[in-house]
């Protein structure tokens, strides 16, 4: 997956088509990616009255690695159903009562963020040391998510050990 920062959302037939304004490179080998096809991606956002957006995202192909990557706008968090703004507000403890998701989901999103935040910060420190890239102090939520995804360091939910899994018995 590749997260892009410069894009336009064009509404067409009930869908939001993501049009990239930047070239996407493979996170594995840094080769320029070729468009393969498109697919739908659902993203929930808003306050208590949730809005379901269906994004049309591009599937990109790397000829060198022989892999498919999805090009996501930075308003989306990989492998999450809710928008980056909703997740950021939940993670920061804001608008939990107005979140467009059930209380259990709010609790799980907070737990996910508590678990991955140190890992994301470590990725930023590594990128700074290795490539001299500078990030905000403190780094923004979208900045951490984008840097982790684009450096091919995204960890999946099944790779995490959460508190409930770590408890004995």
C-alpha atoms as a PDB file:
ATOM      1  CA  UNK A   1       0.000   0.000   0.000  1.00  0.00           C
ATOM      2  CA  UNK A   2       1.052   3.547  -0.705  1.00  0.00           C
ATOM      3  CA  UNK A   3      -0.388   6.611   1.041  1.00  0.00           C
ATOM      4  CA  UNK A   4      -0.529   9.810  -0.983  1.00  0.00           C
ATOM      5  CA  UNK A   5      -0.742  13.330   0.348  1.00  0.00           C
ATOM      6  CA  UNK A   6      -1.553  15.273  -2.829  1.00  0.00           C
ATOM      7  CA  UNK A   7      -4.844  14.196  -4.361  1.00  0.00           C
ATOM      8  CA  UNK A   8      -8.285  15.352  -5.440  1.00  0.00           C
ATOM      9  CA  UNK A   9     -11.593  13.665  -4.648  1.00  0.00           C
ATOM     10  CA  UNK A  10     -14.032  13.835  -7.561  1.00  0.00           C
ATOM     11  CA  UNK A  11     -17.631  12.809  -6.935  1.00  0.00           C
ATOM     12  CA  UNK A  12     -19.160  10.716  -9.672  1.00  0.00           C
ATOM     13  CA  UNK A  13     -22.212   8.494  -9.490  1.00  0.00           C
ATOM     14  CA  UNK A  14     -22.239   8.222  -5.679  1.00  0.00           C
ATOM     15  CA  UNK A  15     -18.516   7.404  -5.541  1.00  0.00           C
ATOM     16  CA  UNK A  16     -15.500   9.551  -4.665  1.00  0.00           C
ATOM     17  CA  UNK A  17     -12.753   8.951  -7.209  1.00  0.00           C
ATOM     18  CA  UNK A  18      -9.257   9.538  -5.803  1.00  0.00           C
ATOM     19  CA  UNK A  19      -7.090  11.341  -8.361  1.00  0.00           C
ATOM     20  CA  UNK A  20      -3.430  11.406  -7.373  1.00  0.00           C
ATOM     21  CA  UNK A  21      -1.462  14.607  -7.928  1.00  0.00           C
ATOM     22  CA  UNK A  22       1.858  12.927  -7.152  1.00  0.00           C
ATOM     23  CA  UNK A  23       3.714   9.955  -8.607  1.00  0.00           C
ATOM     24  CA  UNK A  24       3.624   6.792  -6.520  1.00  0.00           C
ATOM     25  CA  UNK A  25       6.714   4.654  -5.984  1.00  0.00           C
ATOM     26  CA  UNK A  26       6.976   1.090  -4.759  1.00  0.00           C
ATOM     27  CA  UNK A  27       7.655   1.021  -0.998  1.00  0.00           C
ATOM     28  CA  UNK A  28       9.897  -2.011  -1.521  1.00  0.00           C
ATOM     29  CA  UNK A  29      12.191  -0.996  -4.392  1.00  0.00           C
ATOM     30  CA  UNK A  30      11.298   2.672  -5.079  1.00  0.00           C
ATOM     31  CA  UNK A  31      10.391   1.917  -8.731  1.00  0.00           C
ATOM     32  CA  UNK A  32       7.606   4.012 -10.238  1.00  0.00           C
ATOM     33  CA  UNK A  33       4.309   2.121 -10.093  1.00  0.00           C
ATOM     34  CA  UNK A  34       2.016   1.459 -13.056  1.00  0.00           C
ATOM     35  CA  UNK A  35      -1.770   1.556 -12.871  1.00  0.00           C
ATOM     36  CA  UNK A  36      -3.343  -1.901 -12.966  1.00  0.00           C
ATOM     37  CA  UNK A  37      -7.007  -1.354 -12.084  1.00  0.00           C
ATOM     38  CA  UNK A  38      -9.275   0.260  -9.494  1.00  0.00           C
ATOM     39  CA  UNK A  39     -11.339  -0.966  -6.582  1.00  0.00           C
ATOM     40  CA  UNK A  40     -13.822   0.343  -4.039  1.00  0.00           C
ATOM     41  CA  UNK A  41     -12.832   1.271  -0.493  1.00  0.00           C
ATOM     42  CA  UNK A  42     -15.428   2.196   2.130  1.00  0.00           C
ATOM     43  CA  UNK A  43     -14.552   4.923   4.615  1.00  0.00           C
ATOM     44  CA  UNK A  44     -16.837   6.155   7.404  1.00  0.00           C
ATOM     45  CA  UNK A  45     -16.492   9.710   8.639  1.00  0.00           C
ATOM     46  CA  UNK A  46     -18.420  12.442  10.347  1.00  0.00           C
ATOM     47  CA  UNK A  47     -19.930  13.049  13.738  1.00  0.00           C
ATOM     48  CA  UNK A  48     -22.752  11.079  15.314  1.00  0.00           C
ATOM     49  CA  UNK A  49     -24.541  11.098  11.941  1.00  0.00           C
ATOM     50  CA  UNK A  50     -21.955   9.029  10.098  1.00  0.00           C
ATOM     51  CA  UNK A  51     -21.383   9.436   6.396  1.00  0.00           C
ATOM     52  CA  UNK A  52     -20.381   6.407   4.369  1.00  0.00           C
ATOM     53  CA  UNK A  53     -18.023   7.350   1.557  1.00  0.00           C
ATOM     54  CA  UNK A  54     -17.128   4.873  -1.146  1.00  0.00           C
ATOM     55  CA  UNK A  55     -13.723   5.766  -2.543  1.00  0.00           C
ATOM     56  CA  UNK A  56     -12.449   4.472  -5.872  1.00  0.00           C
ATOM     57  CA  UNK A  57      -8.740   3.831  -5.337  1.00  0.00           C
ATOM     58  CA  UNK A  58      -6.106   2.722  -7.806  1.00  0.00           C
ATOM     59  CA  UNK A  59      -4.395  -0.660  -7.741  1.00  0.00           C
ATOM     60  CA  UNK A  60      -0.803  -0.139  -8.833  1.00  0.00           C
ATOM     61  CA  UNK A  61       1.676  -2.687 -10.142  1.00  0.00           C
ATOM     62  CA  UNK A  62       5.443  -2.811  -9.640  1.00  0.00           C
ATOM     63  CA  UNK A  63       7.164  -4.510 -12.570  1.00  0.00           C
ATOM     64  CA  UNK A  64      10.387  -4.985 -10.625  1.00  0.00           C
ATOM     65  CA  UNK A  65       8.874  -6.578  -7.492  1.00  0.00           C
ATOM     66  CA  UNK A  66       5.903  -8.138  -9.303  1.00  0.00           C
ATOM     67  CA  UNK A  67       3.533  -6.872  -6.585  1.00  0.00           C
ATOM     68  CA  UNK A  68       0.247  -5.007  -6.397  1.00  0.00           C
ATOM     69  CA  UNK A  69      -0.048  -1.931  -4.143  1.00  0.00           C
ATOM     70  CA  UNK A  70      -3.181   0.072  -3.324  1.00  0.00           C
ATOM     71  CA  UNK A  71      -2.889   3.852  -3.520  1.00  0.00           C
ATOM     72  CA  UNK A  72      -4.727   5.343  -0.535  1.00  0.00           C
ATOM     73  CA  UNK A  73      -5.312   9.028   0.205  1.00  0.00           C
ATOM     74  CA  UNK A  74      -3.991  10.151   3.587  1.00  0.00           C
ATOM     75  CA  UNK A  75      -7.563  10.714   4.809  1.00  0.00           C
ATOM     76  CA  UNK A  76      -7.726   6.901   5.140  1.00  0.00           C
ATOM     77  CA  UNK A  77      -5.861   4.721   7.633  1.00  0.00           C
ATOM     78  CA  UNK A  78      -4.789   1.371   6.142  1.00  0.00           C
ATOM     79  CA  UNK A  79      -6.938  -1.575   7.248  1.00  0.00           C
ATOM     80  CA  UNK A  80      -9.345   0.665   9.185  1.00  0.00           C
ATOM     81  CA  UNK A  81     -12.955   1.465   8.283  1.00  0.00           C
ATOM     82  CA  UNK A  82     -13.053   4.962   9.740  1.00  0.00           C
ATOM     83  CA  UNK A  83     -11.372   8.076   8.354  1.00  0.00           C
ATOM     84  CA  UNK A  84      -8.045   9.296   9.681  1.00  0.00           C
ATOM     85  CA  UNK A  85      -9.734  12.305  11.315  1.00  0.00           C
ATOM     86  CA  UNK A  86     -12.182  10.103  13.231  1.00  0.00           C
ATOM     87  CA  UNK A  87      -9.422   7.755  14.405  1.00  0.00           C
ATOM     88  CA  UNK A  88      -7.158  10.661  15.344  1.00  0.00           C
ATOM     89  CA  UNK A  89      -9.931  12.257  17.423  1.00  0.00           C
ATOM     90  CA  UNK A  90     -10.646   8.944  19.161  1.00  0.00           C
ATOM     91  CA  UNK A  91      -6.930   8.331  19.806  1.00  0.00           C
ATOM     92  CA  UNK A  92      -6.533  11.803  21.309  1.00  0.00           C
ATOM     93  CA  UNK A  93      -9.593  11.332  23.536  1.00  0.00           C
ATOM     94  CA  UNK A  94     -11.632  13.952  21.690  1.00  0.00           C
ATOM     95  CA  UNK A  95     -15.180  13.465  20.475  1.00  0.00           C
ATOM     96  CA  UNK A  96     -15.481   9.913  21.765  1.00  0.00           C
ATOM     97  CA  UNK A  97     -19.171  10.500  22.511  1.00  0.00           C
ATOM     98  CA  UNK A  98     -19.734  11.920  19.022  1.00  0.00           C
ATOM     99  CA  UNK A  99     -17.770   9.207  17.220  1.00  0.00           C
ATOM    100  CA  UNK A 100     -19.675   7.516  14.378  1.00  0.00           C
ATOM    101  CA  UNK A 101     -18.889   4.070  15.785  1.00  0.00           C
ATOM    102  CA  UNK A 102     -19.978   1.934  18.744  1.00  0.00           C
ATOM    103  CA  UNK A 103     -18.273   2.239  22.140  1.00  0.00           C
ATOM    104  CA  UNK A 104     -16.506  -1.106  21.658  1.00  0.00           C
ATOM    105  CA  UNK A 105     -14.941   0.142  18.435  1.00  0.00           C
ATOM    106  CA  UNK A 106     -13.823   3.351  20.158  1.00  0.00           C
ATOM    107  CA  UNK A 107     -12.188   1.241  22.885  1.00  0.00           C
ATOM    108  CA  UNK A 108     -10.463  -1.017  20.310  1.00  0.00           C
ATOM    109  CA  UNK A 109      -9.216   1.963  18.274  1.00  0.00           C
ATOM    110  CA  UNK A 110      -7.749   3.560  21.414  1.00  0.00           C
ATOM    111  CA  UNK A 111      -6.088   0.250  22.308  1.00  0.00           C
ATOM    112  CA  UNK A 112      -4.724  -0.098  18.766  1.00  0.00           C
ATOM    113  CA  UNK A 113      -3.273   3.425  18.884  1.00  0.00           C
ATOM    114  CA  UNK A 114      -1.736   2.871  22.334  1.00  0.00           C
ATOM    115  CA  UNK A 115      -0.089  -0.288  20.995  1.00  0.00           C
ATOM    116  CA  UNK A 116       1.219   1.036  17.648  1.00  0.00           C
ATOM    117  CA  UNK A 117       2.189   4.613  18.576  1.00  0.00           C
ATOM    118  CA  UNK A 118       5.601   3.674  20.073  1.00  0.00           C
ATOM    119  CA  UNK A 119       6.291   1.532  16.995  1.00  0.00           C
ATOM    120  CA  UNK A 120       5.334   4.384  14.642  1.00  0.00           C
ATOM    121  CA  UNK A 121       7.559   6.814  16.569  1.00  0.00           C
ATOM    122  CA  UNK A 122      10.431   4.337  16.325  1.00  0.00           C
ATOM    123  CA  UNK A 123       9.910   4.139  12.537  1.00  0.00           C
ATOM    124  CA  UNK A 124      10.089   7.952  12.342  1.00  0.00           C
ATOM    125  CA  UNK A 125      13.331   7.996  14.350  1.00  0.00           C
ATOM    126  CA  UNK A 126      14.793   5.315  12.069  1.00  0.00           C
ATOM    127  CA  UNK A 127      13.805   7.220   8.909  1.00  0.00           C
ATOM    128  CA  UNK A 128      15.284  10.413  10.348  1.00  0.00           C
ATOM    129  CA  UNK A 129      18.581   8.695  11.176  1.00  0.00           C
ATOM    130  CA  UNK A 130      18.808   6.766   7.916  1.00  0.00           C
ATOM    131  CA  UNK A 131      17.587   9.350   5.378  1.00  0.00           C
ATOM    132  CA  UNK A 132      17.685  12.668   7.240  1.00  0.00           C
ATOM    133  CA  UNK A 133      13.931  13.127   6.848  1.00  0.00           C
ATOM    134  CA  UNK A 134      12.448  15.635   9.276  1.00  0.00           C
ATOM    135  CA  UNK A 135       9.055  15.295  10.918  1.00  0.00           C
ATOM    136  CA  UNK A 136       6.990  17.667  13.017  1.00  0.00           C
ATOM    137  CA  UNK A 137       7.580  17.951  16.754  1.00  0.00           C
ATOM    138  CA  UNK A 138       5.432  16.176  17.884  1.00  0.00           C
ATOM    139  CA  UNK A 139       4.636  14.359  14.632  1.00  0.00           C
ATOM    140  CA  UNK A 140       1.054  14.534  13.411  1.00  0.00           C
ATOM    141  CA  UNK A 141      -1.107  11.406  13.316  1.00  0.00           C
ATOM    142  CA  UNK A 142      -1.354  11.367   9.496  1.00  0.00           C
ATOM    143  CA  UNK A 143       2.397  11.972   9.226  1.00  0.00           C
ATOM    144  CA  UNK A 144       3.169   8.909  11.346  1.00  0.00           C
ATOM    145  CA  UNK A 145       0.692   6.705   9.476  1.00  0.00           C
ATOM    146  CA  UNK A 146       1.946   7.834   6.053  1.00  0.00           C
ATOM    147  CA  UNK A 147       5.639   7.409   6.896  1.00  0.00           C
ATOM    148  CA  UNK A 148       5.066   3.932   8.338  1.00  0.00           C
ATOM    149  CA  UNK A 149       2.975   2.743   5.385  1.00  0.00           C
ATOM    150  CA  UNK A 150       5.220   4.221   2.681  1.00  0.00           C
ATOM    151  CA  UNK A 151       8.384   2.794   4.244  1.00  0.00           C
ATOM    152  CA  UNK A 152       6.793  -0.688   4.052  1.00  0.00           C
ATOM    153  CA  UNK A 153       6.819  -1.022   7.847  1.00  0.00           C
ATOM    154  CA  UNK A 154       3.066  -1.332   8.396  1.00  0.00           C
ATOM    155  CA  UNK A 155       2.217  -4.074  10.847  1.00  0.00           C
ATOM    156  CA  UNK A 156      -1.038  -5.977  10.589  1.00  0.00           C
ATOM    157  CA  UNK A 157      -3.470  -6.546  13.436  1.00  0.00           C
ATOM    158  CA  UNK A 158      -2.615 -10.237  13.700  1.00  0.00           C
ATOM    159  CA  UNK A 159       1.060  -9.320  14.242  1.00  0.00           C
ATOM    160  CA  UNK A 160       0.253  -7.223  17.300  1.00  0.00           C
ATOM    161  CA  UNK A 161       0.036  -8.573  20.791  1.00  0.00           C
ATOM    162  CA  UNK A 162      -2.749  -6.660  22.512  1.00  0.00           C
ATOM    163  CA  UNK A 163      -3.466  -6.653  26.232  1.00  0.00           C
ATOM    164  CA  UNK A 164      -6.332  -9.162  25.925  1.00  0.00           C
ATOM    165  CA  UNK A 165      -4.046 -11.651  24.125  1.00  0.00           C
ATOM    166  CA  UNK A 166      -1.257 -11.199  26.651  1.00  0.00           C
ATOM    167  CA  UNK A 167      -3.437 -12.056  29.658  1.00  0.00           C
ATOM    168  CA  UNK A 168      -2.973 -15.574  31.000  1.00  0.00           C
ATOM    169  CA  UNK A 169      -5.836 -18.053  30.876  1.00  0.00           C
END
